[in-house]
Amino acid sequence: MKSKVSFYIIFHLLVTELQSQQLLIPETFQIQGIVKSEIGGLGIPYVHVYVAGSAIGTVTNSEGEYEVKIPYSSSPIKVCVSGVGFQKEIFEVQRQLNQEMNFLLKEAVYELNAVVITGNSVDSASLIYNTAVHFIRFNYPSKSHLIEGFFREVSLKDTAYTRLIEASIRVQEVGYQRNYFSNEGETKNRVKILELRKSDDFKHYDVVDKLFVSAMGEQNELYTIFQKNYVRTISEEIENRILTRRHIALLDKNYEGHTIFDGEKVFVISMQTPPASNFFRHEYVRFFINAADYAIVKIEHLSVPNPSRNEIKPEWLIENKFFSKSEILYRKIGGHYFPTFIHKTESPYDAKAIFKTGKKIEKQYIDVVFLLTNIFDERSLKIKWKEAEDQEKDLYKINKPYNEQFWKNYNAVILNPLTKDRVKDLELKDSINAQFKKNNE
């Protein structure tokens, strides 16, 4: 009898120990490191690092650094690393807690004018671009869908930070075959803030700024950042918007050649405002188009002053060079392409771009980023109209409770931290953490 009791006690202890060990196994493990160029060894910004065949992944920051949390699996996991102009690499990763993995990418040969499809670069550019527009209906989601991501809006005065807003957001996007803008000019997206934090506001405002906003209304950058997803606008007829069908028809087009992205051949099409035009601004655009399925995988846009307009002064320009710029990256996930990274730099809507402090001329502008972190199919997560943020309400005036624990563990912020110099810019009075707590009560 005693032996049976002893057996059951030992058996129970063994089962309990096994269960406790299973409970200690985390659901995810983490890899982090730097993606570098094989030539020169410098970090490569805005490179995709993702788990093959899934939506799990990220984009490297400006220094080439990345961090990804990956679900545990009994089998080895394949991690893909790809960027425009570099050969795609696939690495096998064993599950192991907090491992550091640095990747080296080989530069792809950028063959300028290597292939002329219809006899000259202008006709080739038009043919490739028009084919890409035709295939938008097949390459991008046609139905409404949900994505989540990290949003950061930074206001600057010259090179110093004057305001910071960060948010974890959920976006309900309409299908790519539907009209993106309403009759009132608003997008048909719905954006819900999951978490929010903001610093003190050190932007420069004057009476004219306040009157302008009072008369014209406010602007929510949560929505305007997605207007830079030009795949949505290039096939629409919309007045007073850049890179719509009507606007692109006026641009000169050129086929530059091809490069490599995600292991596949990519055509490079450039467009620009005709040099002889008298427009105040000249637009420069580059489309990177997958040669296999004609999906647009990257768009670069730069708005600069017309060199023939002598009245334009360098101090009117951001960095004395441009009016605005943007960059959008797309990645194929589950059969369709999604915007994984959107970045724009432009003048502020609610404050003067240029003002004088004594004899010194100072410039204000904003730098906004969206980084995709997840994609959902669940209909139950759809955003109701009453849950969506107002498109005409300044994001800074929206209040949400500050969840300090969330921000300490949020992957996107860990990967893209503010440098000490940037934090110092904002800590004119209180510490940055004290500002987050105060401004989100």
Protein backbone atom coordinates (compact mmCIF):
# COMPACT_ATOMS: atom_id res chain seq x y z
CA MET A 1 0.00 0.00 0.00
CA LYS A 2 2.79 2.34 0.94
CA SER A 3 4.53 1.65 -2.38
CA LYS A 4 1.36 2.56 -4.30
CA VAL A 5 0.98 5.81 -2.34
CA SER A 6 4.63 6.65 -2.96
CA PHE A 7 4.21 5.93 -6.67
CA TYR A 8 1.19 8.24 -6.95
CA ILE A 9 2.96 11.01 -5.02
CA ILE A 10 6.04 10.80 -7.23
CA PHE A 11 3.88 10.62 -10.38
CA HIS A 12 1.88 13.67 -9.26
CA LEU A 13 5.09 15.61 -8.53
CA LEU A 14 6.51 14.74 -11.95
CA VAL A 15 3.32 15.85 -13.75
CA THR A 16 3.22 19.07 -11.75
CA GLU A 17 6.86 19.78 -12.58
CA LEU A 18 6.28 19.16 -16.29
CA GLN A 19 3.22 21.42 -16.27
CA SER A 20 5.11 24.17 -14.49
CA GLN A 21 7.92 23.95 -17.03
CA GLN A 22 5.41 24.21 -19.88
CA LEU A 23 3.85 27.25 -18.27
CA LEU A 24 7.27 28.89 -18.10
CA ILE A 25 7.82 28.51 -21.85
CA PRO A 26 7.00 31.89 -23.39
CA GLU A 27 4.72 32.15 -26.41
CA THR A 28 7.30 34.10 -28.40
CA PHE A 29 11.03 34.54 -28.67
CA GLN A 30 12.90 37.55 -29.92
CA ILE A 31 15.62 38.19 -32.48
CA GLN A 32 17.34 41.52 -32.86
CA GLY A 33 20.38 43.00 -34.54
CA ILE A 34 21.54 45.09 -37.49
CA VAL A 35 21.15 44.61 -41.23
CA LYS A 36 24.33 45.80 -42.93
CA SER A 37 25.61 46.20 -46.46
CA GLU A 38 28.31 43.71 -47.38
CA ILE A 39 30.20 46.61 -48.97
CA GLY A 40 31.20 49.12 -46.31
CA GLY A 41 29.41 47.40 -43.44
CA LEU A 42 26.98 50.27 -42.84
CA GLY A 43 23.46 49.68 -41.50
CA ILE A 44 20.75 49.68 -44.19
CA PRO A 45 17.59 51.66 -43.37
CA TYR A 46 14.05 50.54 -44.22
CA VAL A 47 14.81 46.88 -44.96
CA HIS A 48 12.08 44.27 -44.46
CA VAL A 49 12.85 41.56 -41.86
CA TYR A 50 10.00 39.05 -41.70
CA VAL A 51 9.02 35.44 -41.11
CA ALA A 52 8.52 33.69 -44.45
CA GLY A 53 4.87 33.19 -45.38
CA SER A 54 3.49 35.36 -42.58
CA ALA A 55 2.65 38.93 -41.59
CA ILE A 56 5.17 38.79 -38.73
CA GLY A 57 7.99 41.20 -39.34
CA THR A 58 9.28 44.74 -39.20
CA VAL A 59 11.28 47.36 -41.09
CA THR A 60 14.77 48.38 -39.98
CA ASN A 61 15.17 51.87 -38.54
CA SER A 62 17.42 54.62 -39.93
CA GLU A 63 20.48 52.86 -38.51
CA GLY A 64 19.60 49.45 -39.94
CA GLU A 65 18.54 48.04 -36.55
CA TYR A 66 15.60 45.67 -36.16
CA GLU A 67 13.78 43.65 -33.52
CA VAL A 68 11.14 40.96 -34.14
CA LYS A 69 9.09 38.81 -31.77
CA ILE A 70 8.40 35.39 -33.29
CA PRO A 71 5.92 32.73 -32.10
CA TYR A 72 7.52 29.51 -30.82
CA SER A 73 7.64 26.59 -33.23
CA SER A 74 8.98 23.08 -32.94
CA SER A 75 10.62 23.40 -36.35
CA PRO A 76 13.24 25.93 -37.52
CA ILE A 77 11.84 29.25 -38.71
CA LYS A 78 12.88 30.97 -41.93
CA VAL A 79 13.48 34.71 -41.69
CA CYS A 80 13.61 36.74 -44.91
CA VAL A 81 15.65 39.94 -45.21
CA SER A 82 15.07 42.12 -48.27
CA GLY A 83 15.49 45.71 -49.39
CA VAL A 84 15.37 47.57 -52.68
CA GLY A 85 18.75 47.35 -54.37
CA PHE A 86 19.90 44.32 -52.34
CA GLN A 87 19.68 40.61 -52.92
CA LYS A 88 17.09 38.85 -50.77
CA GLU A 89 18.52 36.53 -48.11
CA ILE A 90 16.74 33.77 -46.18
CA PHE A 91 18.12 32.65 -42.82
CA GLU A 92 17.09 29.70 -40.67
CA VAL A 93 16.49 30.65 -37.04
CA GLN A 94 16.34 28.24 -34.11
CA ARG A 95 14.05 29.13 -31.25
CA GLN A 96 16.18 30.69 -28.56
CA LEU A 97 15.45 33.51 -26.15
CA ASN A 98 16.66 37.01 -27.05
CA GLN A 99 19.22 36.08 -29.66
CA GLU A 100 21.19 38.65 -31.62
CA MET A 101 21.43 38.12 -35.38
CA ASN A 102 23.23 40.54 -37.66
CA PHE A 103 22.64 40.14 -41.39
CA LEU A 104 24.84 41.11 -44.34
CA LEU A 105 23.14 41.87 -47.67
CA LYS A 106 24.80 41.87 -51.08
CA GLU A 107 24.06 44.85 -53.27
CA ALA A 108 22.15 44.04 -56.44
CA VAL A 109 23.38 45.28 -59.76
CA TYR A 110 21.34 48.32 -60.79
CA GLU A 111 21.20 48.02 -64.58
CA LEU A 112 20.45 51.43 -66.02
CA ASN A 113 18.57 51.30 -69.32
CA ALA A 114 19.31 47.57 -69.52
CA VAL A 115 15.98 46.76 -71.13
CA VAL A 116 13.97 49.00 -73.42
CA ILE A 117 10.63 47.31 -73.92
CA THR A 118 9.01 49.36 -76.70
CA GLY A 119 11.90 51.09 -78.41
CA ASN A 120 12.46 54.10 -76.15
CA SER A 121 12.52 54.81 -72.42
CA VAL A 122 9.47 57.10 -72.46
CA ASP A 123 7.18 54.52 -74.10
CA SER A 124 8.64 51.77 -71.89
CA ALA A 125 7.93 53.82 -68.77
CA SER A 126 4.32 54.49 -69.81
CA LEU A 127 3.70 50.85 -70.70
CA ILE A 128 5.11 49.50 -67.42
CA TYR A 129 3.38 52.14 -65.31
CA ASN A 130 -0.03 51.73 -67.00
CA THR A 131 0.22 47.94 -66.60
CA ALA A 132 0.96 48.42 -62.87
CA VAL A 133 -2.11 50.64 -62.50
CA HIS A 134 -4.25 48.03 -64.29
CA PHE A 135 -3.04 45.29 -61.91
CA ILE A 136 -3.78 47.26 -58.72
CA ARG A 137 -7.14 45.46 -58.54
CA PHE A 138 -5.35 42.10 -58.35
CA ASN A 139 -2.27 42.96 -56.30
CA TYR A 140 -3.88 44.86 -53.41
CA PRO A 141 -6.83 43.92 -51.15
CA SER A 142 -10.16 44.51 -52.87
CA LYS A 143 -12.18 44.18 -49.65
CA SER A 144 -12.18 46.16 -46.42
CA HIS A 145 -9.43 44.97 -44.07
CA LEU A 146 -7.85 45.75 -40.71
CA ILE A 147 -4.23 46.59 -39.98
CA GLU A 148 -2.38 47.68 -36.85
CA GLY A 149 0.75 49.75 -36.58
CA PHE A 150 2.97 52.24 -34.80
CA PHE A 151 2.47 55.96 -35.49
CA ARG A 152 4.97 58.71 -34.64
CA GLU A 153 4.52 62.42 -35.34
CA VAL A 154 7.45 64.69 -34.57
CA SER A 155 7.36 68.48 -34.84
CA LEU A 156 10.68 70.24 -35.39
CA LYS A 157 12.04 73.77 -35.33
CA ASP A 158 15.12 73.68 -37.53
CA THR A 159 16.74 70.49 -36.16
CA ALA A 160 15.31 70.53 -32.61
CA TYR A 161 12.25 68.53 -31.53
CA THR A 162 9.36 70.70 -30.35
CA ARG A 163 6.58 68.11 -29.95
CA LEU A 164 6.19 64.33 -29.97
CA ILE A 165 3.08 62.19 -30.43
CA GLU A 166 3.22 58.38 -30.52
CA ALA A 167 0.34 55.94 -30.86
CA SER A 168 -0.51 52.31 -31.40
CA ILE A 169 -3.38 52.35 -33.88
CA ARG A 170 -5.84 50.06 -35.64
CA VAL A 171 -6.93 51.05 -39.15
CA GLN A 172 -9.93 49.81 -41.07
CA GLU A 173 -9.03 50.36 -44.71
CA VAL A 174 -11.45 50.23 -47.62
CA GLY A 175 -10.64 47.96 -50.55
CA TYR A 176 -8.32 49.30 -53.23
CA GLN A 177 -11.03 49.12 -55.91
CA ARG A 178 -13.24 51.61 -54.12
CA ASN A 179 -12.97 55.41 -54.18
CA TYR A 180 -10.65 56.39 -51.36
CA PHE A 181 -11.91 59.94 -50.75
CA SER A 182 -15.42 61.03 -49.86
CA ASN A 183 -17.14 63.98 -51.52
CA GLU A 184 -15.95 66.14 -48.61
CA GLY A 185 -12.32 65.23 -49.32
CA GLU A 186 -11.90 62.95 -46.31
CA THR A 187 -10.53 59.43 -46.61
CA LYS A 188 -12.87 56.50 -46.06
CA ASN A 189 -10.48 54.87 -43.60
CA ARG A 190 -11.42 54.54 -39.96
CA VAL A 191 -8.65 54.88 -37.38
CA LYS A 192 -8.90 53.82 -33.75
CA ILE A 193 -6.25 54.73 -31.18
CA LEU A 194 -5.30 51.78 -28.98
CA GLU A 195 -2.60 53.56 -26.96
CA LEU A 196 -1.38 57.17 -27.03
CA ARG A 197 1.32 59.33 -25.46
CA LYS A 198 2.46 62.90 -26.12
CA SER A 199 5.05 65.38 -24.91
CA ASP A 200 4.62 69.05 -24.06
CA ASP A 201 4.06 71.35 -27.03
CA PHE A 202 6.91 73.78 -27.81
CA LYS A 203 5.81 74.68 -31.35
CA HIS A 204 5.66 78.33 -32.33
CA TYR A 205 2.15 79.68 -32.93
CA ASP A 206 0.99 83.21 -33.58
CA VAL A 207 -2.39 84.94 -33.95
CA VAL A 208 -2.50 84.30 -37.71
CA ASP A 209 -1.99 80.55 -37.13
CA LYS A 210 -4.90 80.42 -34.74
CA LEU A 211 -7.16 82.38 -37.11
CA PHE A 212 -6.22 80.07 -40.00
CA VAL A 213 -7.06 76.91 -38.05
CA SER A 214 -10.28 78.51 -36.78
CA ALA A 215 -11.35 79.29 -40.34
CA MET A 216 -10.07 76.19 -42.17
CA GLY A 217 -10.46 73.53 -39.48
CA GLU A 218 -7.87 71.21 -38.02
CA GLN A 219 -6.06 68.21 -39.46
CA ASN A 220 -5.44 64.78 -37.98
CA GLU A 221 -2.12 63.29 -39.11
CA LEU A 222 -3.42 59.80 -38.32
CA TYR A 223 -5.39 60.12 -41.56
CA THR A 224 -3.12 62.31 -43.68
CA ILE A 225 -0.20 59.86 -43.40
CA PHE A 226 -2.29 57.28 -45.28
CA GLN A 227 -2.93 59.77 -48.08
CA LYS A 228 0.74 59.19 -48.95
CA ASN A 229 -0.23 55.64 -49.93
CA TYR A 230 -0.30 56.80 -53.55
CA VAL A 231 -1.31 53.40 -54.91
CA ARG A 232 -4.79 54.45 -53.78
CA THR A 233 -4.78 57.82 -55.56
CA ILE A 234 -2.99 57.28 -58.89
CA SER A 235 -6.06 55.76 -60.54
CA GLU A 236 -8.56 58.33 -59.18
CA GLU A 237 -9.68 61.67 -60.62
CA ILE A 238 -9.27 64.03 -57.66
CA GLU A 239 -8.57 67.74 -57.93
CA ASN A 240 -5.95 69.51 -55.80
CA ARG A 241 -4.14 66.29 -54.83
CA ILE A 242 -0.69 65.17 -55.89
CA LEU A 243 -0.16 61.91 -57.78
CA THR A 244 -3.69 61.40 -59.02
CA ARG A 245 -4.47 60.27 -62.58
CA ARG A 246 -4.88 63.86 -63.79
CA HIS A 247 -1.64 65.05 -62.18
CA ILE A 248 0.50 62.11 -63.33
CA ALA A 249 -0.64 62.64 -66.93
CA LEU A 250 1.24 65.98 -66.86
CA LEU A 251 4.56 64.49 -65.72
CA ASP A 252 7.45 63.44 -67.97
CA LYS A 253 8.15 59.71 -67.64
CA ASN A 254 11.37 57.75 -68.02
CA TYR A 255 12.41 54.11 -67.68
CA GLU A 256 15.63 54.09 -65.62
CA GLY A 257 16.36 50.37 -65.68
CA HIS A 258 15.86 47.62 -63.13
CA THR A 259 17.13 46.46 -59.75
CA ILE A 260 16.26 43.72 -57.23
CA PHE A 261 13.72 43.72 -54.39
CA ASP A 262 12.68 40.72 -52.30
CA GLY A 263 14.67 38.50 -54.63
CA GLU A 264 12.77 39.58 -57.74
CA LYS A 265 13.43 41.91 -60.65
CA VAL A 266 11.97 45.39 -60.20
CA PHE A 267 11.49 48.06 -62.88
CA VAL A 268 12.38 51.64 -61.90
CA ILE A 269 10.16 54.34 -63.43
CA SER A 270 10.89 58.02 -62.77
CA MET A 271 8.52 60.93 -63.35
CA GLN A 272 9.01 64.66 -63.04
CA THR A 273 7.39 68.00 -63.77
CA PRO A 274 8.45 69.13 -67.27
CA PRO A 275 11.49 71.43 -66.88
CA ALA A 276 9.88 74.16 -69.01
CA SER A 277 6.75 74.38 -66.86
CA ASN A 278 6.11 77.47 -64.75
CA PHE A 279 4.69 75.62 -61.74
CA PHE A 280 5.85 76.91 -58.37
CA ARG A 281 6.80 73.36 -57.35
CA HIS A 282 8.42 70.62 -59.33
CA GLU A 283 7.53 67.04 -58.45
CA TYR A 284 9.96 64.10 -58.71
CA VAL A 285 8.56 60.57 -58.30
CA ARG A 286 10.07 57.10 -58.60
CA PHE A 287 7.98 53.94 -58.85
CA PHE A 288 9.57 50.54 -58.19
CA ILE A 289 7.42 47.93 -59.98
CA ASN A 290 7.75 44.16 -59.63
CA ALA A 291 8.48 42.70 -63.08
CA ALA A 292 6.64 39.43 -62.34
CA ASP A 293 3.23 40.69 -61.19
CA TYR A 294 3.52 44.45 -61.85
CA ALA A 295 2.90 45.34 -58.21
CA ILE A 296 4.20 48.69 -57.03
CA VAL A 297 6.57 47.82 -54.16
CA LYS A 298 8.00 51.25 -53.40
CA ILE A 299 7.22 54.92 -54.15
CA GLU A 300 9.52 57.88 -53.54
CA HIS A 301 8.21 61.44 -53.88
CA LEU A 302 10.09 64.73 -53.61
CA SER A 303 8.64 68.22 -54.05
CA VAL A 304 11.25 70.91 -54.80
CA PRO A 305 11.15 74.53 -55.99
CA ASN A 306 11.06 75.35 -59.69
CA PRO A 307 14.68 76.43 -60.44
CA SER A 308 13.40 79.12 -62.84
CA ARG A 309 11.34 80.83 -60.13
CA ASN A 310 13.80 83.31 -58.65
CA GLU A 311 11.43 84.50 -55.93
CA ILE A 312 11.83 81.22 -54.01
CA LYS A 313 14.32 81.63 -51.15
CA PRO A 314 16.30 78.75 -49.60
CA GLU A 315 15.06 79.65 -46.12
CA TRP A 316 11.53 78.77 -47.25
CA LEU A 317 12.59 75.16 -47.73
CA ILE A 318 13.08 72.25 -45.34
CA GLU A 319 16.84 71.73 -44.96
CA ASN A 320 17.11 74.52 -47.61
CA LYS A 321 16.30 71.86 -50.23
CA PHE A 322 12.67 70.77 -50.53
CA PHE A 323 9.04 71.54 -49.74
CA SER A 324 8.08 67.97 -48.84
CA LYS A 325 9.11 64.36 -49.34
CA SER A 326 7.66 60.92 -48.72
CA GLU A 327 8.50 57.24 -49.07
CA ILE A 328 6.22 54.18 -49.03
CA LEU A 329 7.22 50.51 -48.93
CA TYR A 330 4.91 47.57 -49.70
CA ARG A 331 5.27 43.84 -49.00
CA LYS A 332 3.28 40.86 -50.24
CA ILE A 333 1.51 39.17 -47.32
CA GLY A 334 -1.01 36.38 -47.82
CA GLY A 335 -1.38 36.99 -51.55
CA HIS A 336 -1.79 40.80 -51.44
CA TYR A 337 0.49 43.80 -50.98
CA PHE A 338 0.19 46.04 -47.91
CA PRO A 339 1.96 49.31 -46.99
CA THR A 340 4.51 48.27 -44.36
CA PHE A 341 6.22 51.64 -43.97
CA ILE A 342 5.02 55.19 -44.75
CA HIS A 343 7.19 58.23 -44.07
CA LYS A 344 6.58 61.90 -44.85
CA THR A 345 8.28 65.22 -44.08
CA GLU A 346 6.44 68.48 -44.76
CA SER A 347 5.42 71.88 -43.38
CA PRO A 348 3.01 71.94 -40.43
CA TYR A 349 -0.67 72.54 -41.02
CA ASP A 350 -1.46 74.43 -37.80
CA ALA A 351 1.63 76.65 -37.43
CA LYS A 352 3.87 78.86 -39.54
CA ALA A 353 6.58 77.11 -41.51
CA ILE A 354 8.87 80.16 -41.24
CA PHE A 355 9.14 82.81 -38.53
CA LYS A 356 11.71 85.22 -37.14
CA THR A 357 13.28 85.16 -33.70
CA GLY A 358 15.13 88.44 -33.57
CA LYS A 359 17.29 88.43 -36.69
CA LYS A 360 17.25 84.65 -37.00
CA ILE A 361 14.89 82.92 -39.43
CA GLU A 362 13.61 79.60 -38.08
CA LYS A 363 11.69 76.86 -39.86
CA GLN A 364 9.09 74.47 -38.54
CA TYR A 365 8.11 71.16 -40.09
CA ILE A 366 6.75 67.75 -39.17
CA ASP A 367 8.12 64.25 -39.69
CA VAL A 368 5.54 61.45 -39.58
CA VAL A 369 5.99 57.66 -39.72
CA PHE A 370 3.65 54.67 -39.84
CA LEU A 371 5.06 51.17 -39.35
CA LEU A 372 2.82 48.13 -39.97
CA THR A 373 2.84 45.60 -37.10
CA ASN A 374 -0.14 43.32 -37.82
CA ILE A 375 -2.95 42.39 -40.24
CA PHE A 376 -6.32 40.98 -39.18
CA ASP A 377 -9.08 39.03 -40.90
CA GLU A 378 -11.49 38.93 -37.95
CA ARG A 379 -14.75 40.74 -38.70
CA SER A 380 -15.40 41.16 -34.98
CA LEU A 381 -12.54 43.70 -34.80
CA LYS A 382 -14.16 46.09 -37.27
CA ILE A 383 -14.10 49.70 -36.12
CA LYS A 384 -17.48 51.35 -35.51
CA TRP A 385 -17.95 54.94 -36.61
CA LYS A 386 -18.25 56.10 -33.00
CA GLU A 387 -14.90 54.44 -32.20
CA ALA A 388 -13.05 56.14 -35.08
CA GLU A 389 -11.10 59.33 -34.48
CA ASP A 390 -12.33 62.58 -36.02
CA GLN A 391 -10.41 63.37 -39.23
CA GLU A 392 -10.62 67.11 -38.52
CA LYS A 393 -9.47 67.02 -34.91
CA ASP A 394 -5.86 67.74 -34.03
CA LEU A 395 -4.38 64.52 -32.68
CA TYR A 396 -2.64 66.46 -29.91
CA LYS A 397 -6.01 67.45 -28.47
CA ILE A 398 -7.13 63.83 -28.08
CA ASN A 399 -6.66 62.40 -24.58
CA LYS A 400 -6.16 58.75 -23.66
CA PRO A 401 -4.93 57.24 -20.37
CA TYR A 402 -1.16 56.73 -20.38
CA ASN A 403 -0.29 53.02 -20.20
CA GLU A 404 3.33 53.12 -19.06
CA GLN A 405 3.72 49.34 -18.97
CA PHE A 406 2.54 49.00 -22.57
CA TRP A 407 5.08 51.54 -23.84
CA LYS A 408 7.94 49.88 -21.96
CA ASN A 409 7.28 46.64 -23.83
CA TYR A 410 6.08 47.96 -27.19
CA ASN A 411 8.33 46.44 -29.83
CA ALA A 412 8.11 49.34 -32.28
CA VAL A 413 9.31 51.87 -29.70
CA ILE A 414 12.07 49.60 -28.43
CA LEU A 415 13.35 49.39 -32.00
CA ASN A 416 12.92 53.11 -32.73
CA PRO A 417 13.85 54.87 -29.47
CA LEU A 418 14.38 58.61 -29.18
CA THR A 419 18.06 59.54 -28.92
CA LYS A 420 19.29 61.36 -25.82
CA ASP A 421 19.65 64.58 -27.83
CA ARG A 422 16.03 64.38 -28.96
CA VAL A 423 14.78 63.72 -25.45
CA LYS A 424 16.86 66.67 -24.24
CA ASP A 425 15.16 68.92 -26.83
CA LEU A 426 11.79 68.14 -25.25
CA GLU A 427 12.85 68.24 -21.59
CA LEU A 428 12.83 72.02 -21.24
CA LYS A 429 10.79 71.72 -18.07
CA ASP A 430 9.69 68.22 -17.04
CA SER A 431 11.18 64.81 -17.84
CA ILE A 432 9.73 63.16 -20.93
CA ASN A 433 8.03 60.47 -18.86
CA ALA A 434 6.46 63.09 -16.59
CA GLN A 435 5.15 64.85 -19.70
CA PHE A 436 3.60 61.62 -20.99
CA LYS A 437 1.80 61.10 -17.68
CA LYS A 438 0.66 64.73 -17.42
CA ASN A 439 -0.55 65.10 -21.01
CA ASN A 440 -2.49 61.84 -21.13
CA GLU A 441 -4.59 62.19 -17.98
